[in-house]
Amino acid sequence: MRSIRPPFAARRGRSARGRTSPVLAAVGLAAALALTATACNSGDDTAGGGATASAAQNGDDKIQIPDDIKDKLKDHGIDIDKWKNGAWKNWDKDDWLREADDFINPIIKDLWDPDRMREADDPHKDKGVDESDLSGDQGVTDPTPAPVTAQAVKAAYHDSVPEAGKVFFDSPEGTMVCSATVVQDPAHPGKSNLVWTAGHCVHAGKKGGWYRNIAFVPSYNDSGKTAAQLESAKREEVAPYGVWWSDWAQTSDQWIEQGGSTGGQGAPYDFAVLHVTPEKGSGGKSLEETVGSALPVNFSAPAVTEVSSITATGYPAAAPFDGQTLYQCADKPGRLSIAKPDPTMYRIGCTMTGGSSGGGWVAAGSDGKPALVSNTSIGPVKTGWLAGPRLGDVAKGVYDSVSGKFAGQ
């Protein structure tokens, strides 16, 4: 995770420019490759404003990209066939990820095998936010909360938190990972293919672009195997509900324009929404039908002082954690203000580290039922607390944009 925020990513509208725990933007292509954003772990090689891109996939799993998008990519020296065959590893040409209006994320079958997923690391594990950065006249900030020890979720994870999972992606630093949540889609009740995560898990922010090979794995390591046991685990054990590639992604413009791997800039807008498609088919079932659940998103959550408790869920990967086990923290939130003009963030005591970035924050709604109200965005250089954005009009704009994009499909 970034210091002040755990690693996450996003992208903006217009030309896709973003920061490492990003802003509003969209990414896509439902084919065989995927671009990724800043995440919490690494291993190997338009309301509110948002950037978008998409591609179709035929029965032969061949990428079909509109001619106008092909032309734009060629202008930036991108050959889709070469990209699919490994050219995505060339980060010397990443400017187009920030500037192109359209983003491609084709599926590369079997790229995310158990070893690659297990070895994904936290690119920001040695970076963090110095709490002195939060001092000064920056609006309302409550005292630093007491640390709350993260508790391991009892396996099978799917029994208690079926919406939780991991987002994997590639960055210039290597293979990365974040946490994420299956959320409801108003355009497809009961059949959602939407995933909520942090902007910095999909886009690097102001000094970078979109990440590559972004994929979501619901209920990763559902049986709670140890890292040693996972070394011999089959893919269906690691990903019991399949691997779902992002064929579209969107984050806030604020994240793309302000976000970074350290510090708190852009953090109040560090959220992203992915639309996903199954890598190997799901029998016609949506992600929500496959996992059996999806959380509603509350864009009018009560003021920080009125929330009695928030539960944060994620796969922390930086020491002392190893990224293979699901954890949770529950605490009454306080307020954290990064800058006066920006919305005040939620902050809770929690010892989870990088890798938990993008994980869902859940609180009871006015109906008493659980709803997503935030996601992990930043944390201090030393563990002890996490902060997440309040989800208002900008977040709703991102969400509605992605939902509307696929409303007729």
Protein backbone atom coordinates (compact mmCIF):
# COMPACT_ATOMS: atom_id res chain seq x y z
CA MET A 1 0.00 0.00 0.00
CA ARG A 2 1.04 3.54 -0.52
CA SER A 3 2.18 5.45 2.34
CA ILE A 4 -0.41 7.24 3.17
CA ARG A 5 -2.39 5.01 0.97
CA PRO A 6 -2.07 1.36 0.16
CA PRO A 7 -1.36 0.74 -3.54
CA PHE A 8 -4.41 1.09 -5.81
CA ALA A 9 -5.04 2.53 -9.27
CA ALA A 10 -7.42 4.41 -11.61
CA ARG A 11 -7.93 6.32 -14.83
CA ARG A 12 -9.54 9.50 -16.05
CA GLY A 13 -11.84 10.62 -18.85
CA ARG A 14 -10.67 12.30 -22.06
CA SER A 15 -7.18 11.05 -22.73
CA ALA A 16 -6.49 8.43 -20.12
CA ARG A 17 -4.11 10.03 -17.71
CA GLY A 18 -3.97 8.94 -14.08
CA ARG A 19 -2.12 8.33 -10.91
CA THR A 20 -1.15 5.34 -8.80
CA SER A 21 -4.19 5.15 -6.66
CA PRO A 22 -6.18 6.62 -9.46
CA VAL A 23 -8.94 8.88 -10.53
CA LEU A 24 -11.96 8.51 -12.79
CA ALA A 25 -11.37 6.66 -16.02
CA ALA A 26 -12.38 3.72 -18.10
CA VAL A 27 -10.48 0.85 -19.59
CA GLY A 28 -11.62 -1.97 -21.71
CA LEU A 29 -11.71 -4.74 -24.24
CA ALA A 30 -13.48 -7.98 -23.66
CA ALA A 31 -10.92 -9.98 -25.56
CA ALA A 32 -7.73 -11.80 -24.63
CA LEU A 33 -5.48 -9.15 -23.04
CA ALA A 34 -5.74 -6.67 -20.26
CA LEU A 35 -4.07 -3.50 -19.10
CA THR A 36 -3.48 -3.05 -15.39
CA ALA A 37 -3.20 -0.35 -12.78
CA THR A 38 -1.25 0.23 -9.60
CA ALA A 39 -1.81 -2.57 -7.18
CA CYS A 40 -0.80 -3.84 -3.84
CA ASN A 41 1.51 -6.69 -4.78
CA SER A 42 4.09 -7.51 -7.45
CA GLY A 43 5.98 -10.54 -8.67
CA ASP A 44 7.10 -10.99 -12.25
CA ASP A 45 7.12 -9.75 -15.45
CA THR A 46 -18.83 10.41 -18.27
CA ALA A 47 -20.05 11.78 -15.36
CA GLY A 48 -17.23 12.81 -13.17
CA GLY A 49 -14.99 12.40 -16.19
CA GLY A 50 -13.64 9.08 -17.31
CA ALA A 51 -11.58 7.46 -20.03
CA THR A 52 -12.89 4.44 -21.85
CA ALA A 53 -12.06 1.70 -24.34
CA SER A 54 -13.53 -1.55 -25.50
CA ALA A 55 -13.24 -4.42 -27.93
CA ALA A 56 -15.42 -7.32 -28.95
CA GLN A 57 -14.65 -11.00 -28.71
CA ASN A 58 -15.99 -13.54 -31.19
CA GLY A 59 -16.52 -17.25 -30.75
CA ASP A 60 -12.92 -17.96 -31.74
CA ASP A 61 -11.57 -15.81 -28.91
CA LYS A 62 -10.07 -13.44 -31.47
CA ILE A 63 -9.85 -9.78 -30.65
CA GLN A 64 -12.05 -7.59 -32.83
CA ILE A 65 -11.11 -3.97 -32.37
CA PRO A 66 -12.95 -1.17 -34.17
CA ASP A 67 -10.92 0.31 -37.02
CA ASP A 68 -10.85 3.76 -35.46
CA ILE A 69 -9.28 2.35 -32.29
CA LYS A 70 -6.80 0.33 -34.33
CA ASP A 71 -5.76 3.51 -36.11
CA LYS A 72 -5.28 5.36 -32.83
CA LEU A 73 -3.16 2.54 -31.46
CA LYS A 74 -1.06 2.41 -34.63
CA ASP A 75 -0.40 6.13 -34.23
CA HIS A 76 1.21 5.23 -30.91
CA GLY A 77 3.18 2.33 -32.35
CA ILE A 78 0.95 -0.39 -30.88
CA ASP A 79 0.40 -3.60 -32.86
CA ILE A 80 -2.37 -5.66 -31.24
CA ASP A 81 -1.04 -9.02 -32.46
CA LYS A 82 2.42 -8.27 -31.11
CA TRP A 83 0.84 -6.94 -27.91
CA LYS A 84 -0.98 -10.19 -27.30
CA ASN A 85 2.22 -12.13 -27.92
CA GLY A 86 4.16 -10.30 -25.23
CA ALA A 87 4.66 -6.72 -26.39
CA TRP A 88 2.70 -5.60 -23.32
CA LYS A 89 5.92 -6.19 -21.35
CA ASN A 90 7.45 -3.17 -23.08
CA TRP A 91 6.80 -0.25 -20.76
CA ASP A 92 8.85 2.18 -22.86
CA LYS A 93 5.69 2.99 -24.77
CA ASP A 94 3.37 3.52 -21.84
CA ASP A 95 2.56 7.11 -22.77
CA TRP A 96 -0.26 5.87 -24.96
CA LEU A 97 -1.86 4.32 -21.88
CA ARG A 98 -2.28 7.81 -20.50
CA GLU A 99 -3.20 9.62 -23.68
CA ALA A 100 -5.29 7.28 -25.84
CA ASP A 101 -9.03 7.83 -25.58
CA ASP A 102 -9.60 4.11 -25.82
CA PHE A 103 -8.06 1.41 -23.70
CA ILE A 104 -7.57 -2.24 -24.61
CA ASN A 105 -7.52 -5.15 -22.21
CA PRO A 106 -7.57 -8.36 -24.25
CA ILE A 107 -7.57 -11.73 -22.49
CA ILE A 108 -4.36 -13.73 -22.44
CA LYS A 109 -5.50 -17.22 -21.58
CA ASP A 110 -3.73 -18.96 -18.71
CA LEU A 111 -1.48 -15.94 -18.06
CA TRP A 112 -2.70 -15.86 -14.48
CA ASP A 113 -1.62 -19.31 -13.36
CA PRO A 114 -1.32 -20.24 -9.64
CA ASP A 115 2.39 -19.43 -9.48
CA ARG A 116 1.98 -16.00 -11.05
CA MET A 117 -0.90 -15.15 -8.74
CA ARG A 118 0.91 -16.42 -5.65
CA GLU A 119 4.07 -14.48 -6.42
CA ALA A 120 2.35 -11.15 -7.05
CA ASP A 121 3.93 -8.61 -4.73
CA ASP A 122 3.30 -5.18 -3.28
CA PRO A 123 5.09 -2.57 -5.42
CA HIS A 124 4.78 0.02 -2.68
CA LYS A 125 5.85 -2.15 0.22
CA ASP A 126 8.78 0.14 1.01
CA LYS A 127 6.79 3.32 0.49
CA GLY A 128 4.24 5.03 2.65
CA VAL A 129 2.76 8.27 3.82
CA ASP A 130 4.54 10.12 6.55
CA GLU A 131 1.93 11.21 9.06
CA SER A 132 3.63 14.59 9.27
CA ASP A 133 2.26 15.13 5.76
CA LEU A 134 -1.19 15.32 7.32
CA SER A 135 -0.46 18.15 9.68
CA GLY A 136 -1.46 21.73 9.12
CA ASP A 137 -4.68 23.44 8.16
CA GLN A 138 -6.25 20.81 5.91
CA GLY A 139 -9.82 20.71 7.13
CA VAL A 140 -11.22 18.37 9.75
CA THR A 141 -9.02 15.47 10.85
CA ASP A 142 -9.72 13.45 13.98
CA PRO A 143 -6.95 12.05 16.19
CA THR A 144 -5.10 9.02 14.84
CA PRO A 145 -7.16 5.92 15.69
CA ALA A 146 -5.77 3.17 17.87
CA PRO A 147 -4.56 0.19 15.79
CA VAL A 148 -7.09 -2.60 15.33
CA THR A 149 -5.52 -6.03 14.80
CA ALA A 150 -6.65 -7.55 11.50
CA GLN A 151 -8.49 -10.83 11.96
CA ALA A 152 -8.14 -13.74 9.52
CA VAL A 153 -11.43 -14.67 7.86
CA LYS A 154 -12.41 -18.27 8.51
CA ALA A 155 -12.23 -20.54 5.46
CA ALA A 156 -14.12 -21.09 3.31
CA TYR A 157 -14.08 -17.34 2.63
CA HIS A 158 -16.99 -17.62 0.25
CA ASP A 159 -19.29 -18.64 3.10
CA SER A 160 -19.03 -15.26 4.83
CA VAL A 161 -17.73 -12.78 2.22
CA PRO A 162 -18.60 -14.19 -1.24
CA GLU A 163 -18.17 -10.75 -2.83
CA ALA A 164 -14.47 -10.43 -1.91
CA GLY A 165 -11.56 -11.28 -4.18
CA LYS A 166 -8.26 -10.17 -5.69
CA VAL A 167 -7.39 -8.00 -8.67
CA PHE A 168 -4.18 -8.96 -10.47
CA PHE A 169 -2.30 -6.79 -12.98
CA ASP A 170 1.09 -6.03 -14.47
CA SER A 171 3.02 -2.80 -13.90
CA PRO A 172 6.51 -1.60 -14.85
CA GLU A 173 7.69 -2.96 -11.48
CA GLY A 174 6.27 -6.43 -12.06
CA THR A 175 3.17 -8.46 -11.29
CA MET A 176 0.90 -6.74 -8.77
CA VAL A 177 -2.20 -7.43 -6.74
CA CYS A 178 -5.01 -5.54 -5.00
CA SER A 179 -8.26 -6.49 -3.32
CA ALA A 180 -11.75 -5.90 -4.75
CA THR A 181 -15.49 -6.48 -4.30
CA VAL A 182 -18.34 -7.70 -6.50
CA VAL A 183 -21.03 -4.98 -6.56
CA GLN A 184 -24.56 -4.81 -7.91
CA ASP A 185 -25.34 -3.48 -11.39
CA PRO A 186 -28.59 -1.47 -11.65
CA ALA A 187 -28.74 -2.26 -15.38
CA HIS A 188 -28.59 -6.01 -14.72
CA PRO A 189 -30.33 -6.84 -11.40
CA GLY A 190 -29.10 -10.15 -10.04
CA LYS A 191 -26.68 -10.53 -12.96
CA SER A 192 -23.88 -8.07 -12.26
CA ASN A 193 -20.43 -8.23 -13.83
CA LEU A 194 -19.16 -5.18 -11.93
CA VAL A 195 -16.19 -5.11 -9.54
CA TRP A 196 -15.23 -2.23 -7.22
CA THR A 197 -11.60 -1.50 -6.36
CA ALA A 198 -9.19 1.41 -5.91
CA GLY A 199 -8.20 3.70 -8.75
CA HIS A 200 -4.52 3.11 -8.04
CA CYS A 201 -5.09 -0.60 -8.74
CA VAL A 202 -5.82 0.13 -12.38
CA HIS A 203 -3.97 3.35 -13.16
CA ALA A 204 -0.64 4.73 -11.95
CA GLY A 205 -1.84 8.32 -11.68
CA LYS A 206 -0.19 11.54 -12.78
CA LYS A 207 3.20 9.98 -13.61
CA GLY A 208 1.95 6.81 -15.28
CA GLY A 209 -0.86 5.16 -17.18
CA TRP A 210 -3.09 2.13 -17.18
CA TYR A 211 -1.84 -1.14 -15.82
CA ARG A 212 -1.97 -4.24 -17.98
CA ASN A 213 -3.51 -7.71 -17.85
CA ILE A 214 -6.07 -6.74 -15.22
CA ALA A 215 -8.10 -9.69 -13.95
CA PHE A 216 -10.34 -10.41 -10.96
CA VAL A 217 -10.32 -13.68 -8.98
CA PRO A 218 -13.30 -13.98 -6.60
CA SER A 219 -12.72 -15.90 -3.36
CA TYR A 220 -9.01 -16.30 -4.08
CA ASN A 221 -7.61 -19.26 -2.08
CA ASP A 222 -11.09 -19.90 -0.69
CA SER A 223 -9.95 -22.88 1.38
CA GLY A 224 -7.30 -20.80 3.18
CA LYS A 225 -4.25 -22.83 2.12
CA THR A 226 -0.85 -21.66 3.35
CA ALA A 227 1.72 -20.23 0.97
CA ALA A 228 3.58 -23.55 1.09
CA GLN A 229 0.43 -25.51 0.27
CA LEU A 230 -0.37 -23.17 -2.60
CA GLU A 231 2.91 -24.06 -4.32
CA SER A 232 1.33 -27.32 -5.49
CA ALA A 233 -2.27 -26.11 -5.76
CA LYS A 234 -4.19 -26.37 -9.02
CA ARG A 235 -5.72 -23.32 -10.65
CA GLU A 236 -9.26 -24.35 -9.70
CA GLU A 237 -8.16 -24.48 -6.04
CA VAL A 238 -6.67 -21.00 -6.18
CA ALA A 239 -9.48 -19.58 -8.31
CA PRO A 240 -12.55 -21.73 -7.50
CA TYR A 241 -14.92 -19.31 -9.25
CA GLY A 242 -12.72 -18.65 -12.24
CA VAL A 243 -10.58 -15.82 -13.54
CA TRP A 244 -12.52 -12.79 -14.81
CA TRP A 245 -10.75 -10.32 -17.12
CA SER A 246 -11.58 -6.65 -17.12
CA ASP A 247 -13.02 -5.68 -20.48
CA TRP A 248 -13.71 -2.18 -19.25
CA ALA A 249 -12.41 -0.04 -16.39
CA GLN A 250 -13.06 3.46 -15.19
CA THR A 251 -11.65 5.68 -12.47
CA SER A 252 -11.86 9.34 -11.56
CA ASP A 253 -10.18 12.15 -13.46
CA GLN A 254 -8.94 13.40 -10.11
CA TRP A 255 -7.00 10.23 -9.50
CA ILE A 256 -5.46 10.25 -12.94
CA GLU A 257 -4.43 13.88 -12.67
CA GLN A 258 -3.29 13.89 -9.04
CA GLY A 259 -2.58 10.34 -7.88
CA GLY A 260 0.81 8.93 -7.02
CA SER A 261 2.53 5.95 -5.41
CA THR A 262 3.12 7.85 -2.18
CA GLY A 263 1.42 10.71 -0.41
CA GLY A 264 -2.28 11.44 -0.19
CA GLN A 265 -3.00 13.41 -3.34
CA GLY A 266 -6.03 12.07 -5.17
CA ALA A 267 -6.90 9.70 -2.33
CA PRO A 268 -10.42 11.16 -1.79
CA TYR A 269 -11.13 10.06 -5.38
CA ASP A 270 -9.19 6.79 -5.36
CA PHE A 271 -11.84 4.36 -6.60
CA ALA A 272 -12.50 2.42 -9.78
CA VAL A 273 -15.16 0.19 -11.31
CA LEU A 274 -14.37 -2.76 -13.57
CA HIS A 275 -16.66 -4.64 -15.90
CA VAL A 276 -15.43 -8.21 -16.22
CA THR A 277 -15.87 -11.23 -18.47
CA PRO A 278 -14.92 -14.87 -17.72
CA GLU A 279 -11.67 -16.14 -19.23
CA LYS A 280 -12.95 -19.66 -19.87
CA GLY A 281 -16.68 -19.26 -19.91
CA SER A 282 -19.17 -19.47 -17.06
CA GLY A 283 -22.04 -21.37 -18.63
CA GLY A 284 -23.72 -18.09 -19.46
CA LYS A 285 -23.77 -17.01 -15.83
CA SER A 286 -22.78 -13.53 -14.72
CA LEU A 287 -20.16 -12.92 -12.03
CA GLU A 288 -22.91 -12.25 -9.47
CA GLU A 289 -24.70 -15.49 -10.35
CA THR A 290 -21.41 -17.38 -10.24
CA VAL A 291 -20.42 -16.24 -6.75
CA GLY A 292 -24.02 -15.96 -5.53
CA SER A 293 -23.89 -12.38 -4.25
CA ALA A 294 -23.11 -8.73 -4.99
CA LEU A 295 -23.13 -5.75 -2.63
CA PRO A 296 -25.15 -2.57 -3.21
CA VAL A 297 -23.13 0.66 -3.24
CA ASN A 298 -24.19 3.52 -0.97
CA PHE A 299 -23.41 6.89 -2.57
CA SER A 300 -25.20 8.83 0.16
CA ALA A 301 -23.64 7.26 3.23
CA PRO A 302 -24.11 9.23 6.44
CA ALA A 303 -21.48 11.61 7.73
CA VAL A 304 -18.38 10.01 9.20
CA THR A 305 -19.51 10.87 12.73
CA GLU A 306 -22.82 9.06 12.16
CA VAL A 307 -21.37 5.70 11.11
CA SER A 308 -21.16 3.32 14.06
CA SER A 309 -18.87 0.76 12.44
CA ILE A 310 -17.14 -0.06 9.16
CA THR A 311 -15.67 -3.44 8.21
CA ALA A 312 -12.73 -3.44 5.78
CA THR A 313 -11.85 -6.65 3.93
CA GLY A 314 -8.72 -7.47 1.96
CA TYR A 315 -5.70 -9.63 1.22
CA PRO A 316 -2.77 -7.80 2.89
CA ALA A 317 0.51 -8.78 1.22
CA ALA A 318 3.22 -6.63 2.77
CA ALA A 319 4.94 -7.93 5.92
CA PRO A 320 3.93 -9.41 8.27
CA PHE A 321 1.31 -10.80 5.85
CA ASP A 322 1.93 -12.87 2.72
CA GLY A 323 -1.06 -11.93 0.56
CA GLN A 324 -2.57 -15.43 0.49
CA THR A 325 -5.08 -15.04 3.32
CA LEU A 326 -8.22 -12.92 3.63
CA TYR A 327 -8.45 -10.54 6.62
CA GLN A 328 -10.88 -8.04 8.09
CA CYS A 329 -10.85 -5.06 10.45
CA ALA A 330 -13.91 -3.49 12.10
CA ASP A 331 -13.83 -0.07 13.73
CA LYS A 332 -15.83 3.12 14.21
CA PRO A 333 -14.50 5.53 11.57
CA GLY A 334 -12.99 8.93 12.16
CA ARG A 335 -12.33 11.79 9.74
CA LEU A 336 -9.22 12.37 7.65
CA SER A 337 -8.85 15.50 5.51
CA ILE A 338 -6.06 15.56 2.93
CA ALA A 339 -6.90 19.02 1.56
CA LYS A 340 -9.68 21.47 2.34
CA PRO A 341 -11.26 21.45 -1.14
CA ASP A 342 -11.50 17.66 -1.20
CA PRO A 343 -14.09 15.45 0.52
CA THR A 344 -13.21 14.20 3.99
CA MET A 345 -12.20 10.54 4.03
CA TYR A 346 -13.14 7.72 6.39
CA ARG A 347 -10.28 6.46 8.59
CA ILE A 348 -10.22 3.36 10.79
CA GLY A 349 -7.69 1.60 12.96
CA CYS A 350 -6.38 -1.47 11.12
CA THR A 351 -3.09 -3.35 10.84
CA MET A 352 -3.65 -4.59 7.27
CA THR A 353 -0.88 -3.63 4.83
CA GLY A 354 -0.41 -3.19 1.07
CA GLY A 355 -2.33 -5.74 -0.98
CA SER A 356 -5.48 -4.86 0.93
CA SER A 357 -5.76 -1.79 -1.31
CA GLY A 358 -9.05 -1.62 -3.14
CA GLY A 359 -10.75 -3.95 -0.66
CA GLY A 360 -14.35 -3.10 0.19
CA TRP A 361 -15.49 -1.11 3.24
CA VAL A 362 -18.94 -2.19 4.33
CA ALA A 363 -21.43 -0.56 6.70
CA ALA A 364 -25.11 -1.08 7.45
CA GLY A 365 -27.41 1.08 5.36
CA SER A 366 -30.60 2.79 6.46
CA ASP A 367 -32.35 -0.53 5.86
CA GLY A 368 -29.93 -2.29 8.19
CA LYS A 369 -28.43 -4.32 5.34
CA PRO A 370 -24.72 -4.23 4.40
CA ALA A 371 -23.62 -1.89 1.62
CA LEU A 372 -20.27 -0.81 0.17
CA VAL A 373 -19.40 2.69 1.41
CA SER A 374 -15.68 2.94 0.57
CA ASN A 375 -12.51 1.05 -0.32
CA THR A 376 -9.00 0.93 1.10
CA SER A 377 -6.92 3.71 -0.41
CA ILE A 378 -4.06 4.85 1.82
CA GLY A 379 -2.23 4.03 5.02
CA PRO A 380 0.74 5.35 6.99
CA VAL A 381 4.38 4.39 6.51
CA LYS A 382 3.98 2.27 9.61
CA THR A 383 0.85 0.15 9.87
CA GLY A 384 -1.95 1.03 12.25
CA TRP A 385 -4.72 2.66 10.23
CA LEU A 386 -6.33 2.77 6.80
CA ALA A 387 -8.28 5.50 5.01
CA GLY A 388 -10.84 5.29 2.25
CA PRO A 389 -12.84 7.81 0.18
CA ARG A 390 -16.45 8.66 0.88
CA LEU A 391 -18.46 7.74 -2.19
CA GLY A 392 -20.35 10.75 -3.53
CA ASP A 393 -21.33 12.20 -6.90
CA VAL A 394 -17.99 11.57 -8.62
CA ALA A 395 -17.97 7.92 -7.57
CA LYS A 396 -21.58 7.54 -8.67
CA GLY A 397 -20.66 9.05 -12.02
CA VAL A 398 -17.98 6.42 -12.55
CA TYR A 399 -20.32 3.62 -11.45
CA ASP A 400 -23.24 4.78 -13.61
CA SER A 401 -20.96 5.22 -16.62
CA VAL A 402 -19.69 1.65 -16.49
CA SER A 403 -23.15 0.25 -15.81
CA GLY A 404 -24.63 2.26 -18.67
CA LYS A 405 -21.91 1.16 -21.06
CA PHE A 406 -23.14 -2.43 -20.84
CA ALA A 407 -26.81 -1.76 -20.15
CA GLY A 408 -27.99 -3.08 -23.47
CA GLN A 409 -25.81 -6.18 -23.48
